[in-house]
């Protein structure tokens, strides 16, 4: 039996990472760990991307340069991925 898992501390980058990972799974970029398959759910992917966009807007001016850069990079990658998954790229 495995020991207890160490839980990472709550942080803005961890929040962005969790949302981005779920969005990537919904875009079919990552395997679903439960089904072991790549699945596409564009409606939920869009919802998560939009949620990250809300975070970007609401936190503007309150993030470190590194946090803002990570959020911008993640959003750019996911938005391009969404267009590609939708058949536009």
N, C-alpha and C. Protein backbone atom coordinates (compact mmCIF):
# COMPACT_ATOMS: atom_id res chain seq x y z
N UNK A 1 0.84 -1.17 0.00
CA UNK A 1 0.00 0.00 0.00
C UNK A 1 0.89 1.24 0.00
N UNK A 2 0.55 2.19 -0.82
CA UNK A 2 1.34 3.41 -0.93
C UNK A 2 1.09 4.30 0.28
N UNK A 3 2.10 5.09 0.61
CA UNK A 3 1.99 6.03 1.72
C UNK A 3 1.16 7.22 1.31
N UNK A 4 0.93 8.12 2.27
CA UNK A 4 0.13 9.31 1.95
C UNK A 4 0.83 10.18 0.91
N UNK A 5 0.03 10.73 0.02
CA UNK A 5 0.57 11.62 -1.01
C UNK A 5 0.80 12.99 -0.42
N UNK A 6 1.92 13.58 -0.81
CA UNK A 6 2.19 14.95 -0.36
C UNK A 6 1.37 15.91 -1.21
N UNK A 7 0.64 16.76 -0.57
CA UNK A 7 -0.20 17.73 -1.27
C UNK A 7 0.61 19.01 -1.44
N UNK A 8 0.72 19.49 -2.68
CA UNK A 8 1.47 20.73 -2.88
C UNK A 8 0.74 21.91 -2.25
N UNK A 9 1.47 22.95 -1.89
CA UNK A 9 0.81 24.11 -1.30
C UNK A 9 -0.08 24.81 -2.33
N UNK A 10 -1.15 25.40 -1.84
CA UNK A 10 -2.04 26.16 -2.72
C UNK A 10 -1.29 27.38 -3.24
N UNK A 11 -1.42 27.61 -4.55
CA UNK A 11 -0.73 28.75 -5.16
C UNK A 11 -1.42 29.09 -6.47
N UNK A 12 -1.17 30.29 -6.94
CA UNK A 12 -1.74 30.71 -8.22
C UNK A 12 -1.25 29.82 -9.37
N UNK A 13 0.07 29.55 -9.47
CA UNK A 13 0.53 28.66 -10.55
C UNK A 13 -0.11 27.27 -10.49
N UNK A 14 -0.36 26.75 -9.27
CA UNK A 14 -1.00 25.44 -9.16
C UNK A 14 -2.44 25.51 -9.66
N UNK A 15 -3.15 26.58 -9.34
CA UNK A 15 -4.52 26.76 -9.83
C UNK A 15 -4.54 26.80 -11.35
N UNK A 16 -3.65 27.59 -11.94
CA UNK A 16 -3.57 27.69 -13.40
C UNK A 16 -3.25 26.32 -14.00
N UNK A 17 -2.31 25.62 -13.39
CA UNK A 17 -1.91 24.31 -13.88
C UNK A 17 -3.07 23.31 -13.84
N UNK A 18 -3.82 23.30 -12.76
CA UNK A 18 -4.95 22.38 -12.65
C UNK A 18 -6.01 22.66 -13.72
N UNK A 19 -6.35 23.93 -13.90
CA UNK A 19 -7.34 24.28 -14.93
C UNK A 19 -6.83 23.98 -16.33
N UNK A 20 -5.56 24.28 -16.57
CA UNK A 20 -4.97 24.05 -17.89
C UNK A 20 -4.87 22.56 -18.20
N UNK A 21 -4.54 21.76 -17.22
CA UNK A 21 -4.45 20.31 -17.43
C UNK A 21 -5.81 19.74 -17.79
N UNK A 22 -6.85 20.17 -17.08
CA UNK A 22 -8.19 19.69 -17.40
C UNK A 22 -8.61 20.15 -18.80
N UNK A 23 -8.30 21.40 -19.14
CA UNK A 23 -8.64 21.90 -20.48
C UNK A 23 -7.90 21.10 -21.55
N UNK A 24 -6.63 20.80 -21.31
CA UNK A 24 -5.86 20.01 -22.28
C UNK A 24 -6.47 18.62 -22.45
N UNK A 25 -6.94 18.03 -21.36
CA UNK A 25 -7.61 16.73 -21.47
C UNK A 25 -8.88 16.86 -22.29
N UNK A 26 -9.64 17.93 -22.07
CA UNK A 26 -10.89 18.12 -22.82
C UNK A 26 -10.65 18.48 -24.28
N UNK A 27 -9.45 18.93 -24.60
CA UNK A 27 -9.09 19.18 -26.00
C UNK A 27 -8.52 17.93 -26.66
N UNK A 28 -8.40 16.85 -25.90
CA UNK A 28 -7.85 15.61 -26.44
C UNK A 28 -6.33 15.62 -26.53
N UNK A 29 -5.69 16.55 -25.84
CA UNK A 29 -4.23 16.64 -25.88
C UNK A 29 -3.58 15.70 -24.87
N UNK A 30 -4.31 15.39 -23.81
CA UNK A 30 -3.80 14.51 -22.76
C UNK A 30 -4.78 13.37 -22.53
N UNK A 31 -4.26 12.25 -22.11
CA UNK A 31 -5.08 11.09 -21.81
C UNK A 31 -5.85 11.29 -20.51
N UNK A 32 -7.10 10.90 -20.50
CA UNK A 32 -7.88 10.92 -19.28
C UNK A 32 -7.32 9.83 -18.36
N UNK A 33 -6.89 10.17 -17.13
CA UNK A 33 -6.27 9.17 -16.27
C UNK A 33 -7.23 8.06 -15.82
N UNK A 34 -8.52 8.30 -15.89
CA UNK A 34 -9.50 7.29 -15.48
C UNK A 34 -9.75 6.31 -16.61
N UNK A 35 -10.03 6.83 -17.82
CA UNK A 35 -10.38 5.97 -18.95
C UNK A 35 -9.17 5.52 -19.76
N UNK A 36 -8.04 6.19 -19.53
CA UNK A 36 -6.80 5.91 -20.28
C UNK A 36 -6.96 6.17 -21.77
N UNK A 37 -7.88 7.08 -22.12
CA UNK A 37 -8.14 7.44 -23.51
C UNK A 37 -8.08 8.95 -23.66
N UNK A 38 -7.77 9.41 -24.86
CA UNK A 38 -7.86 10.83 -25.17
C UNK A 38 -9.30 11.10 -25.60
N UNK A 39 -9.92 12.03 -24.93
CA UNK A 39 -11.32 12.35 -25.19
C UNK A 39 -11.46 13.84 -25.45
N UNK A 40 -12.43 14.20 -26.27
CA UNK A 40 -12.64 15.61 -26.60
C UNK A 40 -14.01 16.05 -26.10
N UNK A 41 -14.00 17.15 -25.35
CA UNK A 41 -15.23 17.80 -24.89
C UNK A 41 -15.00 19.30 -25.08
N UNK A 42 -15.29 19.79 -26.27
CA UNK A 42 -14.98 21.18 -26.61
C UNK A 42 -15.77 22.18 -25.78
N UNK A 43 -17.00 21.84 -25.41
CA UNK A 43 -17.78 22.78 -24.59
C UNK A 43 -17.10 23.01 -23.24
N UNK A 44 -16.66 21.93 -22.59
CA UNK A 44 -16.02 22.09 -21.30
C UNK A 44 -14.63 22.71 -21.44
N UNK A 45 -13.93 22.36 -22.52
CA UNK A 45 -12.61 22.97 -22.77
C UNK A 45 -12.77 24.49 -22.90
N UNK A 46 -13.77 24.91 -23.66
CA UNK A 46 -14.01 26.35 -23.82
C UNK A 46 -14.34 27.00 -22.49
N UNK A 47 -15.14 26.33 -21.67
CA UNK A 47 -15.49 26.86 -20.35
C UNK A 47 -14.23 27.07 -19.50
N UNK A 48 -13.34 26.10 -19.50
CA UNK A 48 -12.11 26.21 -18.72
C UNK A 48 -11.19 27.30 -19.26
N UNK A 49 -11.09 27.39 -20.59
CA UNK A 49 -10.27 28.45 -21.19
C UNK A 49 -10.85 29.81 -20.86
N UNK A 50 -12.17 29.93 -20.94
CA UNK A 50 -12.83 31.20 -20.57
C UNK A 50 -12.61 31.51 -19.08
N UNK A 51 -12.62 30.49 -18.23
CA UNK A 51 -12.38 30.70 -16.80
C UNK A 51 -10.96 31.22 -16.58
N UNK A 52 -9.99 30.66 -17.28
CA UNK A 52 -8.62 31.17 -17.19
C UNK A 52 -8.55 32.61 -17.69
N UNK A 53 -9.33 32.93 -18.72
CA UNK A 53 -9.39 34.30 -19.22
C UNK A 53 -9.96 35.26 -18.18
N UNK A 54 -10.95 34.81 -17.42
CA UNK A 54 -11.51 35.62 -16.34
C UNK A 54 -10.43 35.85 -15.28
N UNK A 55 -9.68 34.81 -14.94
CA UNK A 55 -8.59 34.98 -13.98
C UNK A 55 -7.58 36.00 -14.48
N UNK A 56 -7.27 35.94 -15.77
CA UNK A 56 -6.32 36.89 -16.34
C UNK A 56 -6.83 38.33 -16.18
N UNK A 57 -8.09 38.54 -16.50
CA UNK A 57 -8.69 39.87 -16.40
C UNK A 57 -8.76 40.35 -14.95
N UNK A 58 -9.25 39.50 -14.08
CA UNK A 58 -9.49 39.89 -12.69
C UNK A 58 -8.20 40.05 -11.87
N UNK A 59 -7.11 39.43 -12.32
CA UNK A 59 -5.86 39.52 -11.56
C UNK A 59 -4.86 40.48 -12.19
N UNK A 60 -5.26 41.13 -13.27
CA UNK A 60 -4.35 42.05 -13.96
C UNK A 60 -3.80 43.10 -13.00
N UNK A 61 -2.49 43.22 -12.98
CA UNK A 61 -1.83 44.17 -12.11
C UNK A 61 -1.54 43.62 -10.72
N UNK A 62 -2.00 42.41 -10.43
CA UNK A 62 -1.81 41.81 -9.11
C UNK A 62 -0.94 40.55 -9.13
N UNK A 63 -0.42 40.21 -10.29
CA UNK A 63 0.42 39.02 -10.42
C UNK A 63 1.89 39.43 -10.54
N UNK A 64 2.76 38.51 -10.16
CA UNK A 64 4.18 38.74 -10.43
C UNK A 64 4.37 38.63 -11.94
N UNK A 65 5.49 39.12 -12.44
CA UNK A 65 5.76 39.01 -13.88
C UNK A 65 5.77 37.55 -14.31
N UNK A 66 6.32 36.68 -13.46
CA UNK A 66 6.38 35.25 -13.80
C UNK A 66 4.98 34.64 -13.85
N UNK A 67 4.14 34.96 -12.88
CA UNK A 67 2.77 34.44 -12.88
C UNK A 67 1.99 34.91 -14.10
N UNK A 68 2.12 36.18 -14.44
CA UNK A 68 1.42 36.73 -15.61
C UNK A 68 1.91 36.07 -16.89
N UNK A 69 3.21 35.85 -16.99
CA UNK A 69 3.78 35.23 -18.19
C UNK A 69 3.30 33.79 -18.34
N UNK A 70 3.23 33.06 -17.23
CA UNK A 70 2.75 31.67 -17.28
C UNK A 70 1.29 31.64 -17.72
N UNK A 71 0.47 32.50 -17.14
CA UNK A 71 -0.95 32.54 -17.49
C UNK A 71 -1.14 32.90 -18.95
N UNK A 72 -0.40 33.88 -19.43
CA UNK A 72 -0.50 34.28 -20.84
C UNK A 72 -0.08 33.14 -21.76
N UNK A 73 1.01 32.47 -21.43
CA UNK A 73 1.50 31.37 -22.26
C UNK A 73 0.51 30.21 -22.28
N UNK A 74 -0.04 29.87 -21.12
CA UNK A 74 -1.01 28.78 -21.03
C UNK A 74 -2.26 29.11 -21.84
N UNK A 75 -2.76 30.33 -21.70
CA UNK A 75 -3.95 30.73 -22.45
C UNK A 75 -3.70 30.71 -23.95
N UNK A 76 -2.55 31.19 -24.37
CA UNK A 76 -2.23 31.19 -25.80
C UNK A 76 -2.22 29.76 -26.35
N UNK A 77 -1.53 28.87 -25.64
CA UNK A 77 -1.44 27.48 -26.08
C UNK A 77 -2.81 26.81 -26.12
N UNK A 78 -3.61 27.03 -25.09
CA UNK A 78 -4.94 26.41 -25.05
C UNK A 78 -5.86 26.98 -26.12
N UNK A 79 -5.78 28.27 -26.36
CA UNK A 79 -6.64 28.87 -27.39
C UNK A 79 -6.28 28.34 -28.78
N UNK A 80 -4.99 28.21 -29.07
CA UNK A 80 -4.59 27.61 -30.35
C UNK A 80 -5.04 26.15 -30.42
N UNK A 81 -4.90 25.44 -29.31
CA UNK A 81 -5.34 24.05 -29.25
C UNK A 81 -6.83 23.91 -29.48
N UNK A 82 -7.61 24.86 -28.96
CA UNK A 82 -9.04 24.83 -29.13
C UNK A 82 -9.40 25.02 -30.61
N UNK A 83 -8.76 25.99 -31.26
CA UNK A 83 -9.02 26.23 -32.68
C UNK A 83 -8.67 24.99 -33.49
N UNK A 84 -7.53 24.37 -33.17
CA UNK A 84 -7.11 23.17 -33.90
C UNK A 84 -8.09 22.03 -33.67
N UNK A 85 -8.54 21.83 -32.42
CA UNK A 85 -9.46 20.74 -32.11
C UNK A 85 -10.82 20.95 -32.77
N UNK A 86 -11.17 22.21 -32.95
CA UNK A 86 -12.45 22.53 -33.58
C UNK A 86 -12.37 22.39 -35.10
N UNK A 87 -11.16 22.18 -35.61
CA UNK A 87 -11.00 21.97 -37.05
C UNK A 87 -10.56 23.19 -37.81
N UNK A 88 -10.11 24.22 -37.09
CA UNK A 88 -9.70 25.45 -37.74
C UNK A 88 -8.22 25.62 -37.87
N UNK A 89 -7.45 24.58 -37.62
CA UNK A 89 -6.01 24.79 -37.70
C UNK A 89 -5.21 23.58 -37.85
